[in-house]
């Protein structure tokens, strides 16, 4: 099954990242190591912490009528929490 989310703000992006990470069975630390980031950077992304670049990107998309969505494969085990 594929999960989908409409992304209209940095917080939406962060939630999609978090849900996809959980579906992949990864901790923040594991994902951070794979990406060569700190665990706190992954945490900030997932919490929707806004950067100037990300906020401007969403402002640009809104102004031009661009919709952004994310999709990821869900595991058969639905025990990772609410959707």
Protein backbone atom coordinates (compact mmCIF):
# COMPACT_ATOMS: atom_id res chain seq x y z
CA UNK A 1 0.00 0.00 0.00
CA UNK A 2 1.22 3.50 -0.78
CA UNK A 3 0.79 6.40 1.63
CA UNK A 4 0.31 9.88 0.22
CA UNK A 5 0.44 13.37 1.68
CA UNK A 6 -0.18 16.81 0.22
CA UNK A 7 2.65 19.14 1.20
CA UNK A 8 1.64 22.77 1.64
CA UNK A 9 4.07 23.85 4.38
CA UNK A 10 7.40 22.84 5.92
CA UNK A 11 5.55 21.04 8.73
CA UNK A 12 3.78 18.85 6.16
CA UNK A 13 7.15 17.96 4.65
CA UNK A 14 8.54 17.09 8.07
CA UNK A 15 5.59 14.85 8.92
CA UNK A 16 5.92 13.03 5.59
CA UNK A 17 9.64 12.48 6.23
CA UNK A 18 8.90 11.16 9.72
CA UNK A 19 6.18 8.78 8.52
CA UNK A 20 8.31 7.47 5.67
CA UNK A 21 11.27 6.97 8.06
CA UNK A 22 9.09 5.03 10.47
CA UNK A 23 7.70 2.92 7.62
CA UNK A 24 11.28 2.15 6.59
CA UNK A 25 11.97 0.99 10.15
CA UNK A 26 14.73 3.54 10.70
CA UNK A 27 15.54 5.58 13.77
CA UNK A 28 16.45 9.24 13.38
CA UNK A 29 20.06 8.31 14.16
CA UNK A 30 20.13 5.60 11.48
CA UNK A 31 18.69 7.94 8.86
CA UNK A 32 21.11 10.68 9.88
CA UNK A 33 24.06 8.32 9.53
CA UNK A 34 22.95 7.25 6.03
CA UNK A 35 22.66 10.90 4.99
CA UNK A 36 25.76 12.07 6.83
CA UNK A 37 23.68 14.47 8.93
CA UNK A 38 23.35 14.88 12.65
CA UNK A 39 20.41 13.27 14.42
CA UNK A 40 19.34 16.76 15.53
CA UNK A 41 19.16 17.87 11.87
CA UNK A 42 16.79 14.99 11.11
CA UNK A 43 14.76 15.91 14.19
CA UNK A 44 14.50 19.54 13.05
CA UNK A 45 13.35 18.49 9.58
CA UNK A 46 10.72 16.15 11.02
CA UNK A 47 9.45 18.79 13.44
CA UNK A 48 8.89 21.17 10.53
CA UNK A 49 11.49 23.69 11.61
CA UNK A 50 11.35 26.33 8.91
CA UNK A 51 14.41 27.52 7.10
CA UNK A 52 14.36 30.61 4.90
CA UNK A 53 14.98 28.44 1.84
CA UNK A 54 12.22 25.95 2.62
CA UNK A 55 9.71 28.68 3.54
CA UNK A 56 10.48 30.57 0.31
CA UNK A 57 10.12 27.36 -1.68
CA UNK A 58 6.62 26.81 -0.32
CA UNK A 59 5.76 30.50 -0.87
CA UNK A 60 6.94 30.18 -4.48
CA UNK A 61 4.87 27.04 -5.06
CA UNK A 62 1.79 28.66 -3.53
CA UNK A 63 2.16 31.81 -5.65
CA UNK A 64 2.50 29.77 -8.86
CA UNK A 65 -0.22 27.26 -8.01
CA UNK A 66 2.21 24.35 -7.79
CA UNK A 67 1.10 21.40 -5.67
CA UNK A 68 3.66 19.12 -4.08
CA UNK A 69 2.84 15.68 -2.78
CA UNK A 70 4.81 12.82 -1.32
CA UNK A 71 4.23 9.11 -1.49
CA UNK A 72 5.98 6.17 0.13
CA UNK A 73 5.41 2.48 0.48
CA UNK A 74 3.78 1.34 3.69
CA UNK A 75 4.89 -1.88 5.30
CA UNK A 76 2.36 -4.66 5.77
CA UNK A 77 2.75 -4.19 9.54
CA UNK A 78 0.49 -1.24 10.36
CA UNK A 79 1.74 -0.96 13.98
CA UNK A 80 3.92 2.13 13.41
CA UNK A 81 1.22 4.49 14.64
CA UNK A 82 -1.59 6.69 13.37
CA UNK A 83 -1.75 7.88 9.79
